[in-house]
Every structure is written in structure tokens, then in C-alpha cells.
């Protein structure tokens, strides 16, 4: 049981004509307690120019989408390492959880992009019904239940079922240096 969905998405076609509503939610959804990225700009600082000049700020982001440009300076992140609970005395490098702190402007651009892509995917019914991660109102439990149903139906039909599971803990430095860690 393996599903793959790919969607070709041209962000230029998803641009609305105008409107400051595009940034409002991502700008104000940022946690005020979140540590800033390399530029040192916190969400509070970023919200001030948006409050004063919402159309100009929105035009800046729309310009990024129109030109399909993610500014290089925004791609930089501040990498910090946090010791995992219970691993304080360990000498192994796996005791650290790595966190990348994005610049606030990049965070907003990513949120707007994600919102636009998801809106496009859902409005055009492109989401695979077996997509559980990063999908609203779905969880790991839904994925496990779907697997259980698949296995049960296969057994009921007299078929053989095999399962292979990968342990991410044993796959170091994937996804740009980030790997999952679950306590």
C-alpha cells in the first residue's frame, strides 16, 4: 500500500488581484514568544510596518510570487542545538535536537505560500484521500486505522500481507540536517 500524489502548481496563477488580507493571518499568527532568526527581527517588530503600511507589505510579498523569487537573505536560518531531555550527560551528538530559526519575513512568505498551495489543492480536489500528514482533521491515528483496515480486508480476502517499517532515528542528517525526534 503506497500512494504518491504530485501536483504541478504555478504560484503565479494563484495570485489574487489585490488585497491586504493575504498577509493578515500569517503576520498575526506568529507567536510573540518565538525566537527570531538570524536577522533578529521578532514578530512584534515585523507587525509594526504591516500595521502602518499593509498594502506596501503585501505588494512586497506579491512581488516575490509574481517573480517566483524567494530572496536569498531570507533563506538563511539560525541553527541552534538543544539537549534532549534525559540526555544531558551523554557524549553522543544524538543528544541534541537541532532547530532552525527562520527570519520572520521568510516565515510569513512560507505561510502565505502554504496557504495558497493548500487552497489551490483543496479547491481543485487534488488531495489524495490517503494523505494524512499536513492535512486538516487527519492524524497518525487515521493513518494507522487505514493500514489496519487494509490489512484486515486483505486477510479476509485470503491475501498475504507484509509490512516494512523504517526507524528515522537510524537515518542521520536527512532533510537538510533535520531529523525527527520523538520523546
C-alpha atoms as a PDB file:
ATOM      1  CA  UNK A   1       0.000   0.000   0.000  1.00  0.00           C
ATOM      2  CA  UNK A   2       1.847   3.061  -1.241  1.00  0.00           C
ATOM      3  CA  UNK A   3       0.357   6.311  -2.512  1.00  0.00           C
ATOM      4  CA  UNK A   4       2.092   9.162  -4.205  1.00  0.00           C
ATOM      5  CA  UNK A   5       0.440  12.361  -5.290  1.00  0.00           C
ATOM      6  CA  UNK A   6       2.219  15.060  -7.185  1.00  0.00           C
ATOM      7  CA  UNK A   7       0.723  18.389  -8.100  1.00  0.00           C
ATOM      8  CA  UNK A   8       2.188  20.896 -10.536  1.00  0.00           C
ATOM      9  CA  UNK A   9       1.436  24.266  -9.063  1.00  0.00           C
ATOM     10  CA  UNK A  10       2.199  27.577 -10.738  1.00  0.00           C
ATOM     11  CA  UNK A  11       2.014  30.156  -7.939  1.00  0.00           C
ATOM     12  CA  UNK A  12       1.563  32.980 -10.446  1.00  0.00           C
ATOM     13  CA  UNK A  13      -1.850  31.551 -11.409  1.00  0.00           C
ATOM     14  CA  UNK A  14      -2.937  31.533  -7.773  1.00  0.00           C
ATOM     15  CA  UNK A  15      -2.286  35.216  -7.158  1.00  0.00           C
ATOM     16  CA  UNK A  16      -5.391  37.201  -6.305  1.00  0.00           C
ATOM     17  CA  UNK A  17      -5.851  40.554  -7.988  1.00  0.00           C
ATOM     18  CA  UNK A  18      -5.113  42.564  -4.852  1.00  0.00           C
ATOM     19  CA  UNK A  19      -5.798  42.775  -1.159  1.00  0.00           C
ATOM     20  CA  UNK A  20      -4.067  43.135   2.150  1.00  0.00           C
ATOM     21  CA  UNK A  21      -5.978  40.176   3.566  1.00  0.00           C
ATOM     22  CA  UNK A  22      -3.277  37.893   2.185  1.00  0.00           C
ATOM     23  CA  UNK A  23      -0.795  38.631   4.934  1.00  0.00           C
ATOM     24  CA  UNK A  24      -3.056  39.408   7.872  1.00  0.00           C
ATOM     25  CA  UNK A  25      -3.377  35.885   9.198  1.00  0.00           C
ATOM     26  CA  UNK A  26       0.269  34.787   8.822  1.00  0.00           C
ATOM     27  CA  UNK A  27       1.547  38.074  10.226  1.00  0.00           C
ATOM     28  CA  UNK A  28      -0.652  37.942  13.332  1.00  0.00           C
ATOM     29  CA  UNK A  29      -0.493  34.149  13.761  1.00  0.00           C
ATOM     30  CA  UNK A  30       3.207  34.303  14.643  1.00  0.00           C
ATOM     31  CA  UNK A  31       3.896  33.530  18.270  1.00  0.00           C
ATOM     32  CA  UNK A  32       5.138  36.513  20.240  1.00  0.00           C
ATOM     33  CA  UNK A  33       7.347  34.148  22.264  1.00  0.00           C
ATOM     34  CA  UNK A  34       9.078  32.690  19.211  1.00  0.00           C
ATOM     35  CA  UNK A  35      12.813  33.302  18.972  1.00  0.00           C
ATOM     36  CA  UNK A  36      13.864  35.428  15.976  1.00  0.00           C
ATOM     37  CA  UNK A  37      16.013  34.173  13.124  1.00  0.00           C
ATOM     38  CA  UNK A  38      19.415  35.428  12.034  1.00  0.00           C
ATOM     39  CA  UNK A  39      18.091  38.942  11.334  1.00  0.00           C
ATOM     40  CA  UNK A  40      16.921  39.376  14.955  1.00  0.00           C
ATOM     41  CA  UNK A  41      13.505  40.679  13.872  1.00  0.00           C
ATOM     42  CA  UNK A  42      10.766  39.426  16.189  1.00  0.00           C
ATOM     43  CA  UNK A  43       7.107  39.042  15.243  1.00  0.00           C
ATOM     44  CA  UNK A  44       6.269  42.210  17.209  1.00  0.00           C
ATOM     45  CA  UNK A  45       8.789  44.231  15.222  1.00  0.00           C
ATOM     46  CA  UNK A  46       7.571  42.742  11.930  1.00  0.00           C
ATOM     47  CA  UNK A  47       3.919  43.514  12.702  1.00  0.00           C
ATOM     48  CA  UNK A  48       4.572  47.254  13.121  1.00  0.00           C
ATOM     49  CA  UNK A  49       5.321  48.081   9.450  1.00  0.00           C
ATOM     50  CA  UNK A  50       2.459  45.803   8.420  1.00  0.00           C
ATOM     51  CA  UNK A  51       0.095  47.772  10.675  1.00  0.00           C
ATOM     52  CA  UNK A  52       1.330  51.063   9.211  1.00  0.00           C
ATOM     53  CA  UNK A  53       1.696  50.032   5.549  1.00  0.00           C
ATOM     54  CA  UNK A  54      -0.338  46.864   4.893  1.00  0.00           C
ATOM     55  CA  UNK A  55      -0.641  47.447   1.129  1.00  0.00           C
ATOM     56  CA  UNK A  56       3.095  48.033   0.700  1.00  0.00           C
ATOM     57  CA  UNK A  57       3.992  44.969   2.735  1.00  0.00           C
ATOM     58  CA  UNK A  58       1.518  42.853   0.777  1.00  0.00           C
ATOM     59  CA  UNK A  59       2.881  44.255  -2.515  1.00  0.00           C
ATOM     60  CA  UNK A  60       6.383  43.149  -1.473  1.00  0.00           C
ATOM     61  CA  UNK A  61       5.178  39.568  -0.988  1.00  0.00           C
ATOM     62  CA  UNK A  62       3.076  39.601  -4.148  1.00  0.00           C
ATOM     63  CA  UNK A  63       6.231  40.731  -5.962  1.00  0.00           C
ATOM     64  CA  UNK A  64       8.006  37.637  -4.636  1.00  0.00           C
ATOM     65  CA  UNK A  65       5.217  35.445  -6.030  1.00  0.00           C
ATOM     66  CA  UNK A  66       4.961  37.303  -9.341  1.00  0.00           C
ATOM     67  CA  UNK A  67       8.688  36.914  -9.984  1.00  0.00           C
ATOM     68  CA  UNK A  68       8.869  33.446  -8.367  1.00  0.00           C
ATOM     69  CA  UNK A  69      11.648  34.765  -6.138  1.00  0.00           C
ATOM     70  CA  UNK A  70      12.420  33.745  -2.566  1.00  0.00           C
ATOM     71  CA  UNK A  71      15.057  36.323  -1.547  1.00  0.00           C
ATOM     72  CA  UNK A  72      18.398  34.692  -0.727  1.00  0.00           C
ATOM     73  CA  UNK A  73      18.788  36.625   2.508  1.00  0.00           C
ATOM     74  CA  UNK A  74      15.517  35.101   3.727  1.00  0.00           C
ATOM     75  CA  UNK A  75      16.813  31.568   3.095  1.00  0.00           C
ATOM     76  CA  UNK A  76      19.365  31.879   5.863  1.00  0.00           C
ATOM     77  CA  UNK A  77      18.496  30.379   9.233  1.00  0.00           C
ATOM     78  CA  UNK A  78      19.963  30.491  12.706  1.00  0.00           C
ATOM     79  CA  UNK A  79      20.746  26.935  13.783  1.00  0.00           C
ATOM     80  CA  UNK A  80      20.651  26.141  17.476  1.00  0.00           C
ATOM     81  CA  UNK A  81      21.101  22.844  19.288  1.00  0.00           C
ATOM     82  CA  UNK A  82      19.014  21.929  22.310  1.00  0.00           C
ATOM     83  CA  UNK A  83      19.909  18.998  24.556  1.00  0.00           C
ATOM     84  CA  UNK A  84      17.143  16.387  24.597  1.00  0.00           C
ATOM     85  CA  UNK A  85      15.577  15.665  27.991  1.00  0.00           C
ATOM     86  CA  UNK A  86      17.402  12.907  29.846  1.00  0.00           C
ATOM     87  CA  UNK A  87      20.455  13.077  27.546  1.00  0.00           C
ATOM     88  CA  UNK A  88      22.357  15.805  29.421  1.00  0.00           C
ATOM     89  CA  UNK A  89      25.275  13.525  30.393  1.00  0.00           C
ATOM     90  CA  UNK A  90      25.505  11.731  27.054  1.00  0.00           C
ATOM     91  CA  UNK A  91      28.648  12.316  24.951  1.00  0.00           C
ATOM     92  CA  UNK A  92      26.984  11.383  21.677  1.00  0.00           C
ATOM     93  CA  UNK A  93      25.931  14.087  19.191  1.00  0.00           C
ATOM     94  CA  UNK A  94      22.461  12.492  19.006  1.00  0.00           C
ATOM     95  CA  UNK A  95      21.728  14.103  22.374  1.00  0.00           C
ATOM     96  CA  UNK A  96      20.976  17.347  20.524  1.00  0.00           C
ATOM     97  CA  UNK A  97      17.779  18.370  18.798  1.00  0.00           C
ATOM     98  CA  UNK A  98      18.567  20.834  16.009  1.00  0.00           C
ATOM     99  CA  UNK A  99      16.233  23.764  15.424  1.00  0.00           C
ATOM    100  CA  UNK A 100      16.418  26.179  12.505  1.00  0.00           C
ATOM    101  CA  UNK A 101      15.121  29.655  13.308  1.00  0.00           C
ATOM    102  CA  UNK A 102      13.899  31.343  10.132  1.00  0.00           C
ATOM    103  CA  UNK A 103      13.889  35.055   9.555  1.00  0.00           C
ATOM    104  CA  UNK A 104      10.417  36.447  10.241  1.00  0.00           C
ATOM    105  CA  UNK A 105       9.947  37.678   6.664  1.00  0.00           C
ATOM    106  CA  UNK A 106      10.729  34.166   5.365  1.00  0.00           C
ATOM    107  CA  UNK A 107       8.316  32.629   7.855  1.00  0.00           C
ATOM    108  CA  UNK A 108       5.492  34.870   6.586  1.00  0.00           C
ATOM    109  CA  UNK A 109       6.342  34.118   2.940  1.00  0.00           C
ATOM    110  CA  UNK A 110       6.296  30.370   3.643  1.00  0.00           C
ATOM    111  CA  UNK A 111       2.957  30.608   5.464  1.00  0.00           C
ATOM    112  CA  UNK A 112       1.369  32.591   2.625  1.00  0.00           C
ATOM    113  CA  UNK A 113       2.761  30.113   0.101  1.00  0.00           C
ATOM    114  CA  UNK A 114       1.485  27.122   2.061  1.00  0.00           C
ATOM    115  CA  UNK A 115      -1.953  28.717   2.420  1.00  0.00           C
ATOM    116  CA  UNK A 116      -2.145  29.423  -1.314  1.00  0.00           C
ATOM    117  CA  UNK A 117      -0.984  25.949  -2.319  1.00  0.00           C
ATOM    118  CA  UNK A 118      -3.377  24.227   0.089  1.00  0.00           C
ATOM    119  CA  UNK A 119      -6.258  26.417  -1.074  1.00  0.00           C
ATOM    120  CA  UNK A 120      -5.459  25.507  -4.683  1.00  0.00           C
ATOM    121  CA  UNK A 121      -5.099  21.793  -3.900  1.00  0.00           C
ATOM    122  CA  UNK A 122      -8.363  21.590  -1.956  1.00  0.00           C
ATOM    123  CA  UNK A 123     -10.405  23.806  -4.289  1.00  0.00           C
ATOM    124  CA  UNK A 124      -9.339  21.652  -7.251  1.00  0.00           C
ATOM    125  CA  UNK A 125      -9.839  18.366  -5.353  1.00  0.00           C
ATOM    126  CA  UNK A 126      -6.201  17.340  -5.822  1.00  0.00           C
ATOM    127  CA  UNK A 127      -5.504  15.981  -2.345  1.00  0.00           C
ATOM    128  CA  UNK A 128      -5.072  12.216  -2.244  1.00  0.00           C
ATOM    129  CA  UNK A 129      -7.614  10.620   0.076  1.00  0.00           C
ATOM    130  CA  UNK A 130      -4.761   8.700   1.709  1.00  0.00           C
ATOM    131  CA  UNK A 131      -2.849  11.850   2.657  1.00  0.00           C
ATOM    132  CA  UNK A 132      -2.726  12.099   6.442  1.00  0.00           C
ATOM    133  CA  UNK A 133       0.242  14.326   7.223  1.00  0.00           C
ATOM    134  CA  UNK A 134      -0.212  18.081   6.889  1.00  0.00           C
ATOM    135  CA  UNK A 135      -3.906  17.638   6.108  1.00  0.00           C
ATOM    136  CA  UNK A 136      -6.654  19.232   8.203  1.00  0.00           C
ATOM    137  CA  UNK A 137      -8.562  16.978  10.584  1.00  0.00           C
ATOM    138  CA  UNK A 138      -6.290  13.979   9.994  1.00  0.00           C
ATOM    139  CA  UNK A 139      -3.725  12.435  12.250  1.00  0.00           C
ATOM    140  CA  UNK A 140      -1.412   9.485  12.739  1.00  0.00           C
ATOM    141  CA  UNK A 141      -4.367   7.595  14.194  1.00  0.00           C
ATOM    142  CA  UNK A 142      -6.206   7.932  10.864  1.00  0.00           C
ATOM    143  CA  UNK A 143      -3.176   6.544   9.010  1.00  0.00           C
ATOM    144  CA  UNK A 144      -2.866   3.611  11.422  1.00  0.00           C
ATOM    145  CA  UNK A 145      -6.591   2.872  11.137  1.00  0.00           C
ATOM    146  CA  UNK A 146      -6.375   2.911   7.321  1.00  0.00           C
ATOM    147  CA  UNK A 147      -3.447   0.490   7.480  1.00  0.00           C
ATOM    148  CA  UNK A 148      -5.346  -1.735   9.898  1.00  0.00           C
ATOM    149  CA  UNK A 149      -8.401  -1.767   7.601  1.00  0.00           C
ATOM    150  CA  UNK A 150      -6.209  -2.558   4.589  1.00  0.00           C
ATOM    151  CA  UNK A 151      -4.527  -5.445   6.411  1.00  0.00           C
ATOM    152  CA  UNK A 152      -7.842  -6.797   7.733  1.00  0.00           C
ATOM    153  CA  UNK A 153      -9.503  -6.616   4.289  1.00  0.00           C
ATOM    154  CA  UNK A 154      -6.501  -8.335   2.675  1.00  0.00           C
ATOM    155  CA  UNK A 155      -6.561 -11.138   5.245  1.00  0.00           C
ATOM    156  CA  UNK A 156     -10.331 -11.526   4.787  1.00  0.00           C
ATOM    157  CA  UNK A 157      -9.746 -11.851   1.018  1.00  0.00           C
ATOM    158  CA  UNK A 158      -7.139 -14.580   1.606  1.00  0.00           C
ATOM    159  CA  UNK A 159      -4.182 -12.441   0.610  1.00  0.00           C
ATOM    160  CA  UNK A 160      -0.784 -12.258   2.259  1.00  0.00           C
ATOM    161  CA  UNK A 161       0.272  -9.029   3.901  1.00  0.00           C
ATOM    162  CA  UNK A 162       3.793  -7.825   4.696  1.00  0.00           C
ATOM    163  CA  UNK A 163       4.856  -4.588   6.296  1.00  0.00           C
ATOM    164  CA  UNK A 164       8.180  -2.796   6.339  1.00  0.00           C
ATOM    165  CA  UNK A 165       8.835  -0.044   8.841  1.00  0.00           C
ATOM    166  CA  UNK A 166      11.752   2.395   8.878  1.00  0.00           C
ATOM    167  CA  UNK A 167      13.150   3.877  12.041  1.00  0.00           C
ATOM    168  CA  UNK A 168      14.004   7.546  11.334  1.00  0.00           C
ATOM    169  CA  UNK A 169      16.301   7.604  14.334  1.00  0.00           C
ATOM    170  CA  UNK A 170      18.748   5.485  12.356  1.00  0.00           C
ATOM    171  CA  UNK A 171      18.766   7.854   9.341  1.00  0.00           C
ATOM    172  CA  UNK A 172      21.096  10.666  10.385  1.00  0.00           C
ATOM    173  CA  UNK A 173      21.158  14.127   8.843  1.00  0.00           C
ATOM    174  CA  UNK A 174      18.238  13.843   6.460  1.00  0.00           C
ATOM    175  CA  UNK A 175      16.087  16.728   5.295  1.00  0.00           C
ATOM    176  CA  UNK A 176      18.795  19.378   5.326  1.00  0.00           C
ATOM    177  CA  UNK A 177      20.297  18.319   8.637  1.00  0.00           C
ATOM    178  CA  UNK A 178      16.948  17.922  10.364  1.00  0.00           C
ATOM    179  CA  UNK A 179      15.794  14.551  11.598  1.00  0.00           C
ATOM    180  CA  UNK A 180      12.735  13.700  13.609  1.00  0.00           C
ATOM    181  CA  UNK A 181      12.999  13.016  17.285  1.00  0.00           C
ATOM    182  CA  UNK A 182      10.091  11.869  19.378  1.00  0.00           C
ATOM    183  CA  UNK A 183      10.448  11.542  23.167  1.00  0.00           C
END
